[in-house]
Amino acid sequence: MKRTTGFSNEDKPKFMRGFTRKGRQRHGRYSESDPSILKRVIKDGYDGQEFIVIGDKQETFAQACRAHWQFKSVNLKSKWYITDEKGNDVTDRYLETAEGVFVLTPEYRSEIQKEEPDEYDEYSSIHDSVTYYD
C-alpha cells in the first residue's frame, strides 16, 4: 500500500514541490564534500574576477589552475604567478599549505589578452544619426 501525505503536488508550497526524501538519502542543496579535495579562491590580477579552483591536497596552485583554466585575460601558455594576500609567491606550493584569496598575475603586462574591438564598436551611435550635406 502506498503511503500518502494527503496533499497533491499542487497543494504543496512551491519550495516543497518535487522535493522527496527516500530513506536516509539526502536530496536538497546540502551535499557532503570530499575532504581530500580543496577549493581555493583565485582572483584575476587584471580584471579582478574571482574564480574557484579545485584540486587535490598534493596538487600545487599552478597545477590546479592549469587543470581548470578560467582566466580569460591571461594566456595559459604565458608566464604567470600566484601570490597570497601578503604578496608571497605560492605558485609552486601545495593547495593545503595556504588559505585565503590569491591573485594570479601575468609576469609581463604585455602578455595580457585583450579583446579586439569590432568595427561596429569603433563608431559611436552619433555618427550614424548625422546627415552630411555638400
C-alpha atoms as a PDB file:
ATOM      1  CA  MET A   1       0.000   0.000   0.000  1.00  0.00           C
ATOM      2  CA  LYS A   2       1.342   3.411  -0.967  1.00  0.00           C
ATOM      3  CA  ARG A   3       1.698   5.896   1.844  1.00  0.00           C
ATOM      4  CA  THR A   4       0.421   9.380   1.061  1.00  0.00           C
ATOM      5  CA  THR A   5       0.612  12.655   2.903  1.00  0.00           C
ATOM      6  CA  GLY A   6      -2.850  13.788   1.872  1.00  0.00           C
ATOM      7  CA  PHE A   7      -1.524  16.615  -0.326  1.00  0.00           C
ATOM      8  CA  SER A   8      -1.239  16.596  -4.075  1.00  0.00           C
ATOM      9  CA  ASN A   9       1.779  18.246  -5.679  1.00  0.00           C
ATOM     10  CA  GLU A  10      -0.297  21.361  -6.481  1.00  0.00           C
ATOM     11  CA  ASP A  11      -1.393  21.756  -2.835  1.00  0.00           C
ATOM     12  CA  LYS A  12       2.183  21.845  -1.558  1.00  0.00           C
ATOM     13  CA  PRO A  13       4.020  25.135  -1.169  1.00  0.00           C
ATOM     14  CA  LYS A  14       6.372  25.910  -4.087  1.00  0.00           C
ATOM     15  CA  PHE A  15       9.510  25.114  -2.126  1.00  0.00           C
ATOM     16  CA  MET A  16       8.268  21.585  -1.353  1.00  0.00           C
ATOM     17  CA  ARG A  17       7.200  20.592  -4.870  1.00  0.00           C
ATOM     18  CA  GLY A  18       9.479  17.992  -6.361  1.00  0.00           C
ATOM     19  CA  PHE A  19      11.342  17.504  -3.077  1.00  0.00           C
ATOM     20  CA  THR A  20      11.306  13.866  -1.992  1.00  0.00           C
ATOM     21  CA  ARG A  21      13.182  12.016   0.669  1.00  0.00           C
ATOM     22  CA  LYS A  22      13.755   8.295   0.348  1.00  0.00           C
ATOM     23  CA  GLY A  23      15.094   6.530   3.379  1.00  0.00           C
ATOM     24  CA  ARG A  24      18.350   8.115   4.519  1.00  0.00           C
ATOM     25  CA  GLN A  25      19.244   9.700   1.194  1.00  0.00           C
ATOM     26  CA  ARG A  26      19.669  13.438   1.178  1.00  0.00           C
ATOM     27  CA  HIS A  27      18.020  15.454  -1.526  1.00  0.00           C
ATOM     28  CA  GLY A  28      18.353  19.178  -1.490  1.00  0.00           C
ATOM     29  CA  ARG A  29      21.016  21.831  -1.536  1.00  0.00           C
ATOM     30  CA  TYR A  30      23.406  20.425   1.057  1.00  0.00           C
ATOM     31  CA  SER A  31      25.874  17.789  -0.016  1.00  0.00           C
ATOM     32  CA  GLU A  32      28.836  16.418   1.841  1.00  0.00           C
ATOM     33  CA  SER A  33      32.196  17.213   0.298  1.00  0.00           C
ATOM     34  CA  ASP A  34      35.273  15.066  -0.042  1.00  0.00           C
ATOM     35  CA  PRO A  35      37.889  16.286   2.491  1.00  0.00           C
ATOM     36  CA  SER A  36      40.743  15.370   0.133  1.00  0.00           C
ATOM     37  CA  ILE A  37      39.507  17.893  -2.459  1.00  0.00           C
ATOM     38  CA  LEU A  38      40.342  21.528  -1.714  1.00  0.00           C
ATOM     39  CA  LYS A  39      38.801  24.692  -3.129  1.00  0.00           C
ATOM     40  CA  ARG A  40      40.712  27.966  -3.321  1.00  0.00           C
ATOM     41  CA  VAL A  41      39.596  31.409  -4.488  1.00  0.00           C
ATOM     42  CA  ILE A  42      41.951  32.942  -7.039  1.00  0.00           C
ATOM     43  CA  LYS A  43      41.404  36.462  -8.327  1.00  0.00           C
ATOM     44  CA  ASP A  44      42.403  37.528 -11.820  1.00  0.00           C
ATOM     45  CA  GLY A  45      45.058  40.195 -11.313  1.00  0.00           C
ATOM     46  CA  TYR A  46      44.000  42.111 -14.408  1.00  0.00           C
ATOM     47  CA  ASP A  47      40.217  42.452 -14.231  1.00  0.00           C
ATOM     48  CA  GLY A  48      39.573  41.395 -10.609  1.00  0.00           C
ATOM     49  CA  GLN A  49      37.221  38.489 -11.329  1.00  0.00           C
ATOM     50  CA  GLU A  50      37.293  35.748  -8.693  1.00  0.00           C
ATOM     51  CA  PHE A  51      37.306  32.069  -9.610  1.00  0.00           C
ATOM     52  CA  ILE A  52      37.182  28.895  -7.537  1.00  0.00           C
ATOM     53  CA  VAL A  53      39.950  26.437  -8.321  1.00  0.00           C
ATOM     54  CA  ILE A  54      39.525  22.829  -7.207  1.00  0.00           C
ATOM     55  CA  GLY A  55      42.340  20.372  -6.622  1.00  0.00           C
ATOM     56  CA  ASP A  56      43.791  17.558  -4.568  1.00  0.00           C
ATOM     57  CA  LYS A  57      45.739  18.246  -1.347  1.00  0.00           C
ATOM     58  CA  GLN A  58      49.020  17.275  -3.010  1.00  0.00           C
ATOM     59  CA  GLU A  59      48.400  19.457  -6.076  1.00  0.00           C
ATOM     60  CA  THR A  60      50.162  22.801  -6.474  1.00  0.00           C
ATOM     61  CA  PHE A  61      48.378  26.061  -7.181  1.00  0.00           C
ATOM     62  CA  ALA A  62      49.851  26.100 -10.697  1.00  0.00           C
ATOM     63  CA  GLN A  63      48.659  22.550 -11.446  1.00  0.00           C
ATOM     64  CA  ALA A  64      45.143  23.288 -10.179  1.00  0.00           C
ATOM     65  CA  CYS A  65      44.898  26.479 -12.242  1.00  0.00           C
ATOM     66  CA  ARG A  66      46.140  24.783 -15.410  1.00  0.00           C
ATOM     67  CA  ALA A  67      43.675  21.917 -14.969  1.00  0.00           C
ATOM     68  CA  HIS A  68      40.699  24.307 -14.663  1.00  0.00           C
ATOM     69  CA  TRP A  69      41.848  27.428 -16.573  1.00  0.00           C
ATOM     70  CA  GLN A  70      39.228  30.179 -16.279  1.00  0.00           C
ATOM     71  CA  PHE A  71      41.327  33.325 -16.640  1.00  0.00           C
ATOM     72  CA  LYS A  72      40.366  34.901 -19.973  1.00  0.00           C
ATOM     73  CA  SER A  73      42.665  37.913 -19.658  1.00  0.00           C
ATOM     74  CA  VAL A  74      45.808  35.794 -19.144  1.00  0.00           C
ATOM     75  CA  ASN A  75      47.151  33.359 -21.725  1.00  0.00           C
ATOM     76  CA  LEU A  76      47.655  29.872 -20.274  1.00  0.00           C
ATOM     77  CA  LYS A  77      50.965  29.444 -22.113  1.00  0.00           C
ATOM     78  CA  SER A  78      52.407  32.765 -20.930  1.00  0.00           C
ATOM     79  CA  LYS A  79      54.427  33.217 -17.746  1.00  0.00           C
ATOM     80  CA  TRP A  80      52.312  33.984 -14.695  1.00  0.00           C
ATOM     81  CA  TYR A  81      52.490  33.594 -10.936  1.00  0.00           C
ATOM     82  CA  ILE A  82      50.115  33.402  -7.978  1.00  0.00           C
ATOM     83  CA  THR A  83      50.533  35.461  -4.813  1.00  0.00           C
ATOM     84  CA  ASP A  84      48.825  35.341  -1.447  1.00  0.00           C
ATOM     85  CA  GLU A  85      47.366  38.312   0.462  1.00  0.00           C
ATOM     86  CA  LYS A  86      50.824  39.270   1.752  1.00  0.00           C
ATOM     87  CA  GLY A  87      52.442  39.178  -1.698  1.00  0.00           C
ATOM     88  CA  ASN A  88      54.283  35.860  -1.241  1.00  0.00           C
ATOM     89  CA  ASP A  89      54.625  33.677  -4.342  1.00  0.00           C
ATOM     90  CA  VAL A  90      52.575  30.480  -3.826  1.00  0.00           C
ATOM     91  CA  THR A  91      52.611  29.211  -7.430  1.00  0.00           C
ATOM     92  CA  ASP A  92      54.578  26.046  -6.632  1.00  0.00           C
ATOM     93  CA  ARG A  93      53.159  25.459  -3.137  1.00  0.00           C
ATOM     94  CA  TYR A  94      50.584  22.777  -2.368  1.00  0.00           C
ATOM     95  CA  LEU A  95      46.939  23.821  -2.042  1.00  0.00           C
ATOM     96  CA  GLU A  96      46.798  22.538   1.527  1.00  0.00           C
ATOM     97  CA  THR A  97      49.626  24.837   2.691  1.00  0.00           C
ATOM     98  CA  ALA A  98      47.775  28.133   2.321  1.00  0.00           C
ATOM     99  CA  GLU A  99      44.292  29.596   2.705  1.00  0.00           C
ATOM    100  CA  GLY A 100      42.711  32.876   1.732  1.00  0.00           C
ATOM    101  CA  VAL A 101      42.215  34.776  -1.515  1.00  0.00           C
ATOM    102  CA  PHE A 102      45.047  34.582  -4.050  1.00  0.00           C
ATOM    103  CA  VAL A 103      45.881  36.678  -7.102  1.00  0.00           C
ATOM    104  CA  LEU A 104      47.019  35.317 -10.475  1.00  0.00           C
ATOM    105  CA  THR A 105      49.178  37.892 -12.265  1.00  0.00           C
ATOM    106  CA  PRO A 106      50.914  37.695 -15.651  1.00  0.00           C
ATOM    107  CA  GLU A 107      54.674  38.147 -15.365  1.00  0.00           C
ATOM    108  CA  TYR A 108      54.661  40.788 -18.086  1.00  0.00           C
ATOM    109  CA  ARG A 109      51.778  43.215 -18.608  1.00  0.00           C
ATOM    110  CA  SER A 110      52.261  42.896 -22.374  1.00  0.00           C
ATOM    111  CA  GLU A 111      51.028  39.271 -22.188  1.00  0.00           C
ATOM    112  CA  ILE A 112      47.510  40.270 -21.169  1.00  0.00           C
ATOM    113  CA  GLN A 113      44.973  39.135 -23.732  1.00  0.00           C
ATOM    114  CA  LYS A 114      42.822  41.974 -24.958  1.00  0.00           C
ATOM    115  CA  GLU A 115      39.676  41.557 -26.943  1.00  0.00           C
ATOM    116  CA  GLU A 116      39.979  43.076 -30.384  1.00  0.00           C
ATOM    117  CA  PRO A 117      37.344  45.770 -30.902  1.00  0.00           C
ATOM    118  CA  ASP A 118      34.843  45.136 -33.635  1.00  0.00           C
ATOM    119  CA  GLU A 119      34.426  47.675 -36.415  1.00  0.00           C
ATOM    120  CA  TYR A 120      30.934  48.231 -35.041  1.00  0.00           C
ATOM    121  CA  ASP A 121      32.342  49.236 -31.624  1.00  0.00           C
ATOM    122  CA  GLU A 122      34.726  51.827 -33.068  1.00  0.00           C
ATOM    123  CA  TYR A 123      31.956  54.204 -34.112  1.00  0.00           C
ATOM    124  CA  SER A 124      29.536  55.728 -31.674  1.00  0.00           C
ATOM    125  CA  SER A 125      25.854  55.946 -32.495  1.00  0.00           C
ATOM    126  CA  ILE A 126      26.055  59.717 -33.046  1.00  0.00           C
ATOM    127  CA  HIS A 127      27.964  59.164 -36.298  1.00  0.00           C
ATOM    128  CA  ASP A 128      25.139  57.026 -37.627  1.00  0.00           C
ATOM    129  CA  SER A 129      22.476  59.660 -36.958  1.00  0.00           C
ATOM    130  CA  VAL A 130      24.262  62.641 -38.567  1.00  0.00           C
ATOM    131  CA  THR A 131      23.458  63.522 -42.160  1.00  0.00           C
ATOM    132  CA  TYR A 132      26.147  65.382 -44.094  1.00  0.00           C
ATOM    133  CA  TYR A 133      25.294  67.777 -46.958  1.00  0.00           C
ATOM    134  CA  ASP A 134      27.695  69.039 -49.629  1.00  0.00           C
END
